[in-house]
């Protein structure tokens, strides 16, 4: 059989020791660039399994129809926004996911942002490098209110850490119930109240039609002028133009953004020059531990499917029953 690993831009997996486990039962090719459509088809047209790194390659209907031998997508992580699931289901191609790999990494970055913003670390650093000794006053996390939008694995992890800091935690999500929030020791509330009462708002929802442009102009208008927004989920969860206006007009105090509508972020994008933002290049999941979890989990899924004939972690299990 033949397996391809796509989009290893960091070149972390190219010579990873775990590849030997995959090479024991499959020919393996690892690609570290971003190919054209024709190059992508040439690389994948005869493969049995593909391991895409995150959501960097769009598997649309046009591409899927060019891959007659593809039997499994072993997705690193749990995101499927880049996959045309209808086309995959029609083609009978299952998607195996690797859950839980980036929870700790994203949680830690969330608090790196939060602490940076409320302690004004970046602002102070910039002033110091300009030969100043700034007299800047920050605030404490203890006693402040954190609003979490999306109480899945990462949201729950963020809630746990927030409580360790002595924060009051409330949550809302499109499918969240009061019972589930209570089980996590979190106050369930409406989106309106969460935005109105929170000192920090952190986004941890999946990108689905119901969460696209979830936060718009009217939502930022509800937030405290002293509040900060953290987005480590997906860029399109927030209407970027509305957020930029809220930041430029000081309707909110600041934002920590690891994700954007368009990635890589264009060099002339306004976020690069808005001074009350912290921006990073979608690094929330990028730790050695996460890469190891994703690679080993994906290899396990390929092994289970092709060698043991016991598929696991399949997102679209209905294709296995046809």
C-alpha atoms as a PDB file:
ATOM      1  CA  UNK A   1       0.000   0.000   0.000  1.00  0.00           C
ATOM      2  CA  UNK A   2       0.981   3.652  -0.329  1.00  0.00           C
ATOM      3  CA  UNK A   3       0.606   6.458   2.201  1.00  0.00           C
ATOM      4  CA  UNK A   4       1.294  10.165   1.758  1.00  0.00           C
ATOM      5  CA  UNK A   5       1.840  12.762   4.482  1.00  0.00           C
ATOM      6  CA  UNK A   6       0.894  16.221   3.240  1.00  0.00           C
ATOM      7  CA  UNK A   7       1.840  19.738   4.307  1.00  0.00           C
ATOM      8  CA  UNK A   8       4.710  19.046   6.696  1.00  0.00           C
ATOM      9  CA  UNK A   9       5.755  22.678   6.360  1.00  0.00           C
ATOM     10  CA  UNK A  10       7.753  22.575   9.588  1.00  0.00           C
ATOM     11  CA  UNK A  11       9.606  19.461   8.341  1.00  0.00           C
ATOM     12  CA  UNK A  12       8.984  17.942  11.760  1.00  0.00           C
ATOM     13  CA  UNK A  13       7.599  14.632  10.543  1.00  0.00           C
ATOM     14  CA  UNK A  14       9.942  14.111   7.598  1.00  0.00           C
ATOM     15  CA  UNK A  15      12.501  12.099   9.550  1.00  0.00           C
ATOM     16  CA  UNK A  16      10.479  11.345  12.669  1.00  0.00           C
ATOM     17  CA  UNK A  17      11.318   7.973  14.283  1.00  0.00           C
ATOM     18  CA  UNK A  18       7.615   7.051  14.381  1.00  0.00           C
ATOM     19  CA  UNK A  19       7.564   6.861  10.585  1.00  0.00           C
ATOM     20  CA  UNK A  20       9.284   3.490  10.895  1.00  0.00           C
ATOM     21  CA  UNK A  21       6.025   2.076  12.282  1.00  0.00           C
ATOM     22  CA  UNK A  22       4.186   3.250   9.176  1.00  0.00           C
ATOM     23  CA  UNK A  23       6.958   2.135   6.822  1.00  0.00           C
ATOM     24  CA  UNK A  24       6.705  -1.374   8.269  1.00  0.00           C
ATOM     25  CA  UNK A  25       3.496  -1.939   6.312  1.00  0.00           C
ATOM     26  CA  UNK A  26       3.320   0.889   3.752  1.00  0.00           C
ATOM     27  CA  UNK A  27       5.393   2.859   1.306  1.00  0.00           C
ATOM     28  CA  UNK A  28       5.521   6.417   2.648  1.00  0.00           C
ATOM     29  CA  UNK A  29       6.096   9.785   0.986  1.00  0.00           C
ATOM     30  CA  UNK A  30       6.276  13.036   2.972  1.00  0.00           C
ATOM     31  CA  UNK A  31       5.755  16.416   1.297  1.00  0.00           C
ATOM     32  CA  UNK A  32       6.830  19.694   2.870  1.00  0.00           C
ATOM     33  CA  UNK A  33       5.639  22.220   0.281  1.00  0.00           C
ATOM     34  CA  UNK A  34       2.309  23.623  -0.901  1.00  0.00           C
ATOM     35  CA  UNK A  35       1.643  22.087  -4.328  1.00  0.00           C
ATOM     36  CA  UNK A  36      -0.537  23.244  -7.173  1.00  0.00           C
ATOM     37  CA  UNK A  37      -3.751  21.334  -7.812  1.00  0.00           C
ATOM     38  CA  UNK A  38      -2.176  19.307 -10.627  1.00  0.00           C
ATOM     39  CA  UNK A  39       0.854  18.483  -8.484  1.00  0.00           C
ATOM     40  CA  UNK A  40      -1.441  17.412  -5.661  1.00  0.00           C
ATOM     41  CA  UNK A  41      -3.402  15.078  -7.931  1.00  0.00           C
ATOM     42  CA  UNK A  42      -0.152  13.615  -9.251  1.00  0.00           C
ATOM     43  CA  UNK A  43       1.011  12.900  -5.702  1.00  0.00           C
ATOM     44  CA  UNK A  44      -2.257  11.406  -4.494  1.00  0.00           C
ATOM     45  CA  UNK A  45      -3.879   9.722  -7.497  1.00  0.00           C
ATOM     46  CA  UNK A  46      -2.714   6.213  -6.534  1.00  0.00           C
ATOM     47  CA  UNK A  47      -2.445   6.424  -2.732  1.00  0.00           C
ATOM     48  CA  UNK A  48      -4.389   4.302  -0.263  1.00  0.00           C
ATOM     49  CA  UNK A  49      -4.131   6.641   2.723  1.00  0.00           C
ATOM     50  CA  UNK A  50      -3.319  10.299   3.206  1.00  0.00           C
ATOM     51  CA  UNK A  51      -2.296  12.046   6.432  1.00  0.00           C
ATOM     52  CA  UNK A  52      -3.003  15.776   6.038  1.00  0.00           C
ATOM     53  CA  UNK A  53      -1.276  18.037   8.539  1.00  0.00           C
ATOM     54  CA  UNK A  54      -4.171  19.960  10.050  1.00  0.00           C
ATOM     55  CA  UNK A  55      -6.427  21.771   7.559  1.00  0.00           C
ATOM     56  CA  UNK A  56      -3.852  23.089   5.125  1.00  0.00           C
ATOM     57  CA  UNK A  57      -5.123  21.247   2.044  1.00  0.00           C
ATOM     58  CA  UNK A  58      -8.725  21.582   0.896  1.00  0.00           C
ATOM     59  CA  UNK A  59     -10.192  18.225  -0.098  1.00  0.00           C
ATOM     60  CA  UNK A  60     -13.006  19.458  -2.306  1.00  0.00           C
ATOM     61  CA  UNK A  61     -15.177  17.440  -4.666  1.00  0.00           C
ATOM     62  CA  UNK A  62     -12.928  18.152  -7.649  1.00  0.00           C
ATOM     63  CA  UNK A  63      -9.888  16.728  -5.868  1.00  0.00           C
ATOM     64  CA  UNK A  64     -11.714  13.751  -4.356  1.00  0.00           C
ATOM     65  CA  UNK A  65     -13.013  12.696  -7.779  1.00  0.00           C
ATOM     66  CA  UNK A  66      -9.389  12.518  -8.976  1.00  0.00           C
ATOM     67  CA  UNK A  67      -8.393  10.025  -6.253  1.00  0.00           C
ATOM     68  CA  UNK A  68      -9.957   6.667  -7.208  1.00  0.00           C
ATOM     69  CA  UNK A  69      -7.634   4.589  -5.003  1.00  0.00           C
ATOM     70  CA  UNK A  70      -7.986   6.628  -1.816  1.00  0.00           C
ATOM     71  CA  UNK A  71      -9.386   4.494   1.001  1.00  0.00           C
ATOM     72  CA  UNK A  72      -8.726   6.552   4.148  1.00  0.00           C
ATOM     73  CA  UNK A  73      -8.011  10.102   5.265  1.00  0.00           C
ATOM     74  CA  UNK A  74      -6.144   9.881   8.576  1.00  0.00           C
ATOM     75  CA  UNK A  75      -6.643  13.429   9.774  1.00  0.00           C
ATOM     76  CA  UNK A  76      -4.220  14.991  12.250  1.00  0.00           C
ATOM     77  CA  UNK A  77      -6.492  16.615  14.821  1.00  0.00           C
ATOM     78  CA  UNK A  78     -10.274  16.676  14.723  1.00  0.00           C
ATOM     79  CA  UNK A  79     -11.011  19.547  12.336  1.00  0.00           C
ATOM     80  CA  UNK A  80     -12.896  18.658   9.155  1.00  0.00           C
ATOM     81  CA  UNK A  81     -13.760  22.124   7.820  1.00  0.00           C
ATOM     82  CA  UNK A  82     -11.312  21.547   4.938  1.00  0.00           C
ATOM     83  CA  UNK A  83     -13.010  18.306   3.907  1.00  0.00           C
ATOM     84  CA  UNK A  84     -16.009  18.070   1.599  1.00  0.00           C
ATOM     85  CA  UNK A  85     -17.736  15.441   3.710  1.00  0.00           C
ATOM     86  CA  UNK A  86     -20.597  15.009   1.247  1.00  0.00           C
ATOM     87  CA  UNK A  87     -18.162  14.165  -1.545  1.00  0.00           C
ATOM     88  CA  UNK A  88     -16.169  11.850   0.721  1.00  0.00           C
ATOM     89  CA  UNK A  89     -19.331  10.054   1.804  1.00  0.00           C
ATOM     90  CA  UNK A  90     -20.420   9.634  -1.803  1.00  0.00           C
ATOM     91  CA  UNK A  91     -17.004   8.182  -2.610  1.00  0.00           C
ATOM     92  CA  UNK A  92     -17.166   5.898   0.443  1.00  0.00           C
ATOM     93  CA  UNK A  93     -13.972   7.318   1.965  1.00  0.00           C
ATOM     94  CA  UNK A  94     -13.814   7.303   5.780  1.00  0.00           C
ATOM     95  CA  UNK A  95     -12.098  10.018   7.809  1.00  0.00           C
ATOM     96  CA  UNK A  96     -10.216   8.931  10.939  1.00  0.00           C
ATOM     97  CA  UNK A  97      -9.431  11.694  13.431  1.00  0.00           C
ATOM     98  CA  UNK A  98      -6.861  12.049  16.241  1.00  0.00           C
ATOM     99  CA  UNK A  99      -8.669  13.678  19.171  1.00  0.00           C
ATOM    100  CA  UNK A 100      -7.121  15.365  22.179  1.00  0.00           C
ATOM    101  CA  UNK A 101      -3.708  16.034  20.722  1.00  0.00           C
ATOM    102  CA  UNK A 102      -3.533  19.808  21.133  1.00  0.00           C
ATOM    103  CA  UNK A 103      -5.632  20.488  24.231  1.00  0.00           C
ATOM    104  CA  UNK A 104      -2.739  21.356  26.557  1.00  0.00           C
ATOM    105  CA  UNK A 105      -0.918  23.405  23.925  1.00  0.00           C
ATOM    106  CA  UNK A 106      -3.925  25.566  23.027  1.00  0.00           C
ATOM    107  CA  UNK A 107      -4.897  26.023  26.677  1.00  0.00           C
ATOM    108  CA  UNK A 108      -1.427  27.288  27.529  1.00  0.00           C
ATOM    109  CA  UNK A 109      -1.367  29.734  24.622  1.00  0.00           C
ATOM    110  CA  UNK A 110      -4.786  31.037  25.660  1.00  0.00           C
ATOM    111  CA  UNK A 111      -3.391  32.037  29.040  1.00  0.00           C
ATOM    112  CA  UNK A 112      -0.168  33.339  27.523  1.00  0.00           C
ATOM    113  CA  UNK A 113      -2.358  35.755  25.569  1.00  0.00           C
ATOM    114  CA  UNK A 114      -4.578  36.589  28.519  1.00  0.00           C
ATOM    115  CA  UNK A 115      -1.679  37.329  30.851  1.00  0.00           C
ATOM    116  CA  UNK A 116       0.197  39.249  28.172  1.00  0.00           C
ATOM    117  CA  UNK A 117      -2.793  41.473  27.513  1.00  0.00           C
ATOM    118  CA  UNK A 118      -3.904  42.244  31.058  1.00  0.00           C
ATOM    119  CA  UNK A 119      -0.327  42.694  32.327  1.00  0.00           C
ATOM    120  CA  UNK A 120       0.503  44.767  29.227  1.00  0.00           C
ATOM    121  CA  UNK A 121       3.697  42.785  28.687  1.00  0.00           C
ATOM    122  CA  UNK A 122       4.109  43.490  24.967  1.00  0.00           C
ATOM    123  CA  UNK A 123       3.290  47.181  25.416  1.00  0.00           C
ATOM    124  CA  UNK A 124       5.873  47.487  28.194  1.00  0.00           C
ATOM    125  CA  UNK A 125       8.461  45.542  26.196  1.00  0.00           C
ATOM    126  CA  UNK A 126       8.048  47.871  23.190  1.00  0.00           C
ATOM    127  CA  UNK A 127       8.469  50.945  25.387  1.00  0.00           C
ATOM    128  CA  UNK A 128      11.564  49.511  27.086  1.00  0.00           C
ATOM    129  CA  UNK A 129      13.175  48.827  23.717  1.00  0.00           C
ATOM    130  CA  UNK A 130      12.564  52.479  22.841  1.00  0.00           C
ATOM    131  CA  UNK A 131      14.658  53.465  25.886  1.00  0.00           C
ATOM    132  CA  UNK A 132      11.656  54.326  28.087  1.00  0.00           C
ATOM    133  CA  UNK A 133      10.818  53.211  31.622  1.00  0.00           C
ATOM    134  CA  UNK A 134       7.037  52.983  31.298  1.00  0.00           C
ATOM    135  CA  UNK A 135       4.810  53.435  34.349  1.00  0.00           C
ATOM    136  CA  UNK A 136       2.123  51.000  33.202  1.00  0.00           C
ATOM    137  CA  UNK A 137      -0.562  49.508  35.445  1.00  0.00           C
ATOM    138  CA  UNK A 138      -1.974  46.067  34.694  1.00  0.00           C
ATOM    139  CA  UNK A 139      -4.695  44.025  36.376  1.00  0.00           C
ATOM    140  CA  UNK A 140      -5.004  40.633  38.073  1.00  0.00           C
ATOM    141  CA  UNK A 141      -6.712  37.531  36.733  1.00  0.00           C
ATOM    142  CA  UNK A 142      -7.870  36.580  40.229  1.00  0.00           C
ATOM    143  CA  UNK A 143     -11.447  37.658  40.773  1.00  0.00           C
ATOM    144  CA  UNK A 144     -12.045  38.478  37.108  1.00  0.00           C
ATOM    145  CA  UNK A 145     -14.722  36.841  34.947  1.00  0.00           C
ATOM    146  CA  UNK A 146     -13.798  34.625  32.020  1.00  0.00           C
ATOM    147  CA  UNK A 147     -16.395  33.861  29.369  1.00  0.00           C
ATOM    148  CA  UNK A 148     -15.714  30.700  27.388  1.00  0.00           C
ATOM    149  CA  UNK A 149     -17.513  30.241  24.083  1.00  0.00           C
ATOM    150  CA  UNK A 150     -17.444  26.522  23.365  1.00  0.00           C
ATOM    151  CA  UNK A 151     -17.027  24.061  26.241  1.00  0.00           C
ATOM    152  CA  UNK A 152     -15.466  21.094  24.485  1.00  0.00           C
ATOM    153  CA  UNK A 153     -12.170  19.483  25.498  1.00  0.00           C
ATOM    154  CA  UNK A 154     -10.154  22.671  25.097  1.00  0.00           C
ATOM    155  CA  UNK A 155     -12.855  24.857  26.612  1.00  0.00           C
ATOM    156  CA  UNK A 156     -13.040  22.578  29.661  1.00  0.00           C
ATOM    157  CA  UNK A 157      -9.259  22.639  29.996  1.00  0.00           C
ATOM    158  CA  UNK A 158      -9.279  26.448  29.853  1.00  0.00           C
ATOM    159  CA  UNK A 159     -12.032  26.544  32.485  1.00  0.00           C
ATOM    160  CA  UNK A 160     -10.019  24.320  34.817  1.00  0.00           C
ATOM    161  CA  UNK A 161      -6.935  26.509  34.530  1.00  0.00           C
ATOM    162  CA  UNK A 162      -8.981  29.692  34.927  1.00  0.00           C
ATOM    163  CA  UNK A 163     -10.392  28.394  38.197  1.00  0.00           C
ATOM    164  CA  UNK A 164      -6.843  27.679  39.374  1.00  0.00           C
ATOM    165  CA  UNK A 165      -6.110  31.382  38.762  1.00  0.00           C
ATOM    166  CA  UNK A 166      -9.134  32.255  40.902  1.00  0.00           C
ATOM    167  CA  UNK A 167     -11.296  33.444  38.023  1.00  0.00           C
ATOM    168  CA  UNK A 168     -15.075  33.245  37.825  1.00  0.00           C
ATOM    169  CA  UNK A 169     -15.943  31.134  34.785  1.00  0.00           C
ATOM    170  CA  UNK A 170     -19.074  31.221  32.666  1.00  0.00           C
ATOM    171  CA  UNK A 171     -19.721  29.530  29.336  1.00  0.00           C
ATOM    172  CA  UNK A 172     -22.004  29.443  26.347  1.00  0.00           C
ATOM    173  CA  UNK A 173     -21.986  27.338  23.208  1.00  0.00           C
ATOM    174  CA  UNK A 174     -24.335  26.523  20.327  1.00  0.00           C
ATOM    175  CA  UNK A 175     -24.981  23.056  21.750  1.00  0.00           C
ATOM    176  CA  UNK A 176     -23.969  23.597  25.385  1.00  0.00           C
ATOM    177  CA  UNK A 177     -26.529  22.743  28.057  1.00  0.00           C
ATOM    178  CA  UNK A 178     -26.794  23.991  31.621  1.00  0.00           C
ATOM    179  CA  UNK A 179     -26.374  20.413  32.840  1.00  0.00           C
ATOM    180  CA  UNK A 180     -23.096  19.896  30.986  1.00  0.00           C
ATOM    181  CA  UNK A 181     -21.726  23.258  32.112  1.00  0.00           C
ATOM    182  CA  UNK A 182     -22.633  22.455  35.709  1.00  0.00           C
ATOM    183  CA  UNK A 183     -20.826  19.125  35.442  1.00  0.00           C
ATOM    184  CA  UNK A 184     -17.648  21.067  34.623  1.00  0.00           C
ATOM    185  CA  UNK A 185     -18.211  23.472  37.507  1.00  0.00           C
ATOM    186  CA  UNK A 186     -18.963  26.334  35.116  1.00  0.00           C
ATOM    187  CA  UNK A 187     -21.879  28.768  35.130  1.00  0.00           C
ATOM    188  CA  UNK A 188     -24.061  28.435  32.033  1.00  0.00           C
ATOM    189  CA  UNK A 189     -25.305  31.714  30.591  1.00  0.00           C
ATOM    190  CA  UNK A 190     -26.521  33.298  27.367  1.00  0.00           C
ATOM    191  CA  UNK A 191     -24.116  34.660  24.777  1.00  0.00           C
ATOM    192  CA  UNK A 192     -25.483  38.153  25.473  1.00  0.00           C
ATOM    193  CA  UNK A 193     -24.740  37.946  29.199  1.00  0.00           C
ATOM    194  CA  UNK A 194     -21.372  36.299  28.673  1.00  0.00           C
ATOM    195  CA  UNK A 195     -20.179  39.135  26.460  1.00  0.00           C
ATOM    196  CA  UNK A 196     -21.633  41.800  28.731  1.00  0.00           C
ATOM    197  CA  UNK A 197     -20.170  40.457  31.984  1.00  0.00           C
ATOM    198  CA  UNK A 198     -16.792  38.973  31.013  1.00  0.00           C
ATOM    199  CA  UNK A 199     -13.414  40.606  31.550  1.00  0.00           C
ATOM    200  CA  UNK A 200     -11.940  38.154  29.057  1.00  0.00           C
ATOM    201  CA  UNK A 201     -13.720  36.180  26.330  1.00  0.00           C
ATOM    202  CA  UNK A 202     -12.057  33.070  24.901  1.00  0.00           C
ATOM    203  CA  UNK A 203     -13.264  31.275  21.769  1.00  0.00           C
ATOM    204  CA  UNK A 204     -13.108  27.475  21.596  1.00  0.00           C
ATOM    205  CA  UNK A 205     -15.817  26.437  19.118  1.00  0.00           C
ATOM    206  CA  UNK A 206     -15.494  24.376  15.975  1.00  0.00           C
ATOM    207  CA  UNK A 207     -15.872  26.123  12.640  1.00  0.00           C
ATOM    208  CA  UNK A 208     -19.252  24.973  11.333  1.00  0.00           C
ATOM    209  CA  UNK A 209     -21.973  26.944   9.530  1.00  0.00           C
ATOM    210  CA  UNK A 210     -23.583  27.825  12.887  1.00  0.00           C
ATOM    211  CA  UNK A 211     -20.361  29.385  14.226  1.00  0.00           C
ATOM    212  CA  UNK A 212     -19.163  31.199  11.098  1.00  0.00           C
ATOM    213  CA  UNK A 213     -19.096  34.953  11.838  1.00  0.00           C
ATOM    214  CA  UNK A 214     -20.504  34.135  15.272  1.00  0.00           C
ATOM    215  CA  UNK A 215     -19.213  37.407  16.728  1.00  0.00           C
ATOM    216  CA  UNK A 216     -20.112  40.565  14.806  1.00  0.00           C
ATOM    217  CA  UNK A 217     -20.459  44.319  15.419  1.00  0.00           C
ATOM    218  CA  UNK A 218     -23.361  44.043  17.842  1.00  0.00           C
ATOM    219  CA  UNK A 219     -21.502  41.496  19.947  1.00  0.00           C
ATOM    220  CA  UNK A 220     -18.374  43.601  20.410  1.00  0.00           C
ATOM    221  CA  UNK A 221     -20.617  46.515  21.380  1.00  0.00           C
ATOM    222  CA  UNK A 222     -21.816  44.433  24.348  1.00  0.00           C
ATOM    223  CA  UNK A 223     -18.333  43.876  25.750  1.00  0.00           C
ATOM    224  CA  UNK A 224     -16.712  45.963  28.463  1.00  0.00           C
ATOM    225  CA  UNK A 225     -14.221  48.591  27.209  1.00  0.00           C
ATOM    226  CA  UNK A 226     -11.692  46.910  29.520  1.00  0.00           C
ATOM    227  CA  UNK A 227     -12.341  43.393  28.182  1.00  0.00           C
ATOM    228  CA  UNK A 228     -10.031  41.343  25.970  1.00  0.00           C
ATOM    229  CA  UNK A 229     -10.868  38.743  23.328  1.00  0.00           C
ATOM    230  CA  UNK A 230      -8.831  35.582  22.756  1.00  0.00           C
ATOM    231  CA  UNK A 231      -9.286  33.550  19.574  1.00  0.00           C
ATOM    232  CA  UNK A 232      -7.394  30.285  19.265  1.00  0.00           C
ATOM    233  CA  UNK A 233     -10.207  28.431  17.469  1.00  0.00           C
ATOM    234  CA  UNK A 234     -10.690  29.521  13.848  1.00  0.00           C
ATOM    235  CA  UNK A 235     -10.477  32.923  12.203  1.00  0.00           C
ATOM    236  CA  UNK A 236     -13.861  32.796  10.517  1.00  0.00           C
ATOM    237  CA  UNK A 237     -15.649  32.426  13.858  1.00  0.00           C
ATOM    238  CA  UNK A 238     -15.183  36.199  14.162  1.00  0.00           C
ATOM    239  CA  UNK A 239     -16.149  38.820  11.593  1.00  0.00           C
ATOM    240  CA  UNK A 240     -12.694  40.320  11.183  1.00  0.00           C
ATOM    241  CA  UNK A 241     -13.750  43.753   9.943  1.00  0.00           C
ATOM    242  CA  UNK A 242     -16.013  44.195  12.965  1.00  0.00           C
ATOM    243  CA  UNK A 243     -13.238  43.138  15.346  1.00  0.00           C
ATOM    244  CA  UNK A 244     -10.756  45.512  13.718  1.00  0.00           C
ATOM    245  CA  UNK A 245     -13.168  48.407  14.154  1.00  0.00           C
ATOM    246  CA  UNK A 246     -13.806  47.496  17.791  1.00  0.00           C
ATOM    247  CA  UNK A 247     -10.067  47.428  18.471  1.00  0.00           C
ATOM    248  CA  UNK A 248      -9.272  50.627  16.586  1.00  0.00           C
ATOM    249  CA  UNK A 249     -12.141  52.476  18.285  1.00  0.00           C
ATOM    250  CA  UNK A 250     -11.093  51.083  21.706  1.00  0.00           C
ATOM    251  CA  UNK A 251     -14.525  49.495  22.175  1.00  0.00           C
ATOM    252  CA  UNK A 252     -12.586  46.619  23.733  1.00  0.00           C
ATOM    253  CA  UNK A 253      -9.149  46.774  25.329  1.00  0.00           C
ATOM    254  CA  UNK A 254      -7.347  44.223  23.194  1.00  0.00           C
ATOM    255  CA  UNK A 255      -7.281  40.888  21.418  1.00  0.00           C
ATOM    256  CA  UNK A 256      -4.989  37.889  21.224  1.00  0.00           C
ATOM    257  CA  UNK A 257      -5.336  36.233  17.832  1.00  0.00           C
ATOM    258  CA  UNK A 258      -3.717  33.014  16.677  1.00  0.00           C
ATOM    259  CA  UNK A 259      -6.099  32.385  13.777  1.00  0.00           C
ATOM    260  CA  UNK A 260      -7.367  34.448  10.866  1.00  0.00           C
ATOM    261  CA  UNK A 261      -9.825  34.323   7.979  1.00  0.00           C
ATOM    262  CA  UNK A 262      -6.911  34.008   5.567  1.00  0.00           C
ATOM    263  CA  UNK A 263      -3.741  32.185   6.510  1.00  0.00           C
ATOM    264  CA  UNK A 264      -0.916  33.028   6.131  1.00  0.00           C
ATOM    265  CA  UNK A 265      -1.996  36.531   7.172  1.00  0.00           C
ATOM    266  CA  UNK A 266      -1.388  38.954   4.253  1.00  0.00           C
ATOM    267  CA  UNK A 267       1.601  41.239   4.810  1.00  0.00           C
ATOM    268  CA  UNK A 268      -0.583  44.349   4.492  1.00  0.00           C
ATOM    269  CA  UNK A 269      -3.352  43.132   6.806  1.00  0.00           C
ATOM    270  CA  UNK A 270      -4.476  45.784   9.345  1.00  0.00           C
ATOM    271  CA  UNK A 271      -4.027  43.365  12.251  1.00  0.00           C
ATOM    272  CA  UNK A 272      -0.276  43.707  11.742  1.00  0.00           C
ATOM    273  CA  UNK A 273      -0.425  47.393  12.667  1.00  0.00           C
ATOM    274  CA  UNK A 274      -3.191  47.567  15.306  1.00  0.00           C
ATOM    275  CA  UNK A 275      -1.262  48.154  18.517  1.00  0.00           C
ATOM    276  CA  UNK A 276      -3.718  46.612  20.984  1.00  0.00           C
ATOM    277  CA  UNK A 277      -3.453  43.138  19.465  1.00  0.00           C
ATOM    278  CA  UNK A 278      -1.151  40.208  20.006  1.00  0.00           C
ATOM    279  CA  UNK A 279      -0.928  38.101  16.850  1.00  0.00           C
ATOM    280  CA  UNK A 280       0.744  34.772  16.182  1.00  0.00           C
ATOM    281  CA  UNK A 281       0.914  32.470  13.176  1.00  0.00           C
ATOM    282  CA  UNK A 282      -1.517  29.708  14.227  1.00  0.00           C
ATOM    283  CA  UNK A 283       0.995  28.313  16.713  1.00  0.00           C
ATOM    284  CA  UNK A 284      -1.534  27.238  19.351  1.00  0.00           C
ATOM    285  CA  UNK A 285      -1.256  23.555  18.473  1.00  0.00           C
ATOM    286  CA  UNK A 286       2.407  23.632  17.415  1.00  0.00           C
ATOM    287  CA  UNK A 287       4.370  21.917  20.144  1.00  0.00           C
ATOM    288  CA  UNK A 288       6.598  18.877  19.934  1.00  0.00           C
ATOM    289  CA  UNK A 289       4.139  17.001  22.104  1.00  0.00           C
ATOM    290  CA  UNK A 290       1.220  17.822  19.807  1.00  0.00           C
ATOM    291  CA  UNK A 291       3.123  16.821  16.680  1.00  0.00           C
ATOM    292  CA  UNK A 292       4.007  13.521  18.343  1.00  0.00           C
ATOM    293  CA  UNK A 293       0.402  12.936  19.396  1.00  0.00           C
ATOM    294  CA  UNK A 294      -0.938  13.715  15.935  1.00  0.00           C
ATOM    295  CA  UNK A 295       1.601  11.622  14.037  1.00  0.00           C
ATOM    296  CA  UNK A 296       1.387   8.599  16.316  1.00  0.00           C
ATOM    297  CA  UNK A 297      -2.401   8.809  16.541  1.00  0.00           C
ATOM    298  CA  UNK A 298      -2.725   9.008  12.756  1.00  0.00           C
ATOM    299  CA  UNK A 299      -0.351   6.094  12.237  1.00  0.00           C
ATOM    300  CA  UNK A 300      -2.369   4.084  14.764  1.00  0.00           C
ATOM    301  CA  UNK A 301      -5.542   4.871  12.809  1.00  0.00           C
ATOM    302  CA  UNK A 302      -3.960   3.755   9.517  1.00  0.00           C
ATOM    303  CA  UNK A 303      -2.676   0.561  11.151  1.00  0.00           C
ATOM    304  CA  UNK A 304      -6.074  -0.194  12.679  1.00  0.00           C
ATOM    305  CA  UNK A 305      -7.808   0.294   9.337  1.00  0.00           C
ATOM    306  CA  UNK A 306      -5.485  -1.535   6.961  1.00  0.00           C
ATOM    307  CA  UNK A 307      -3.639  -4.077   9.115  1.00  0.00           C
ATOM    308  CA  UNK A 308      -6.046  -4.978  11.913  1.00  0.00           C
ATOM    309  CA  UNK A 309      -9.182  -4.293   9.875  1.00  0.00           C
ATOM    310  CA  UNK A 310     -10.649  -2.632  12.968  1.00  0.00           C
ATOM    311  CA  UNK A 311     -11.342   0.999  12.019  1.00  0.00           C
ATOM    312  CA  UNK A 312     -11.400   3.439  14.907  1.00  0.00           C
ATOM    313  CA  UNK A 313     -11.922   7.170  15.450  1.00  0.00           C
ATOM    314  CA  UNK A 314     -13.968   7.287  12.235  1.00  0.00           C
ATOM    315  CA  UNK A 315     -15.877  10.556  11.874  1.00  0.00           C
ATOM    316  CA  UNK A 316     -18.251   9.375   9.124  1.00  0.00           C
ATOM    317  CA  UNK A 317     -18.905   5.819  10.267  1.00  0.00           C
ATOM    318  CA  UNK A 318     -21.885   5.496   7.965  1.00  0.00           C
ATOM    319  CA  UNK A 319     -19.548   4.832   5.014  1.00  0.00           C
ATOM    320  CA  UNK A 320     -18.306   1.681   6.754  1.00  0.00           C
ATOM    321  CA  UNK A 321     -21.820   0.284   6.852  1.00  0.00           C
ATOM    322  CA  UNK A 322     -22.549   0.668   3.154  1.00  0.00           C
END
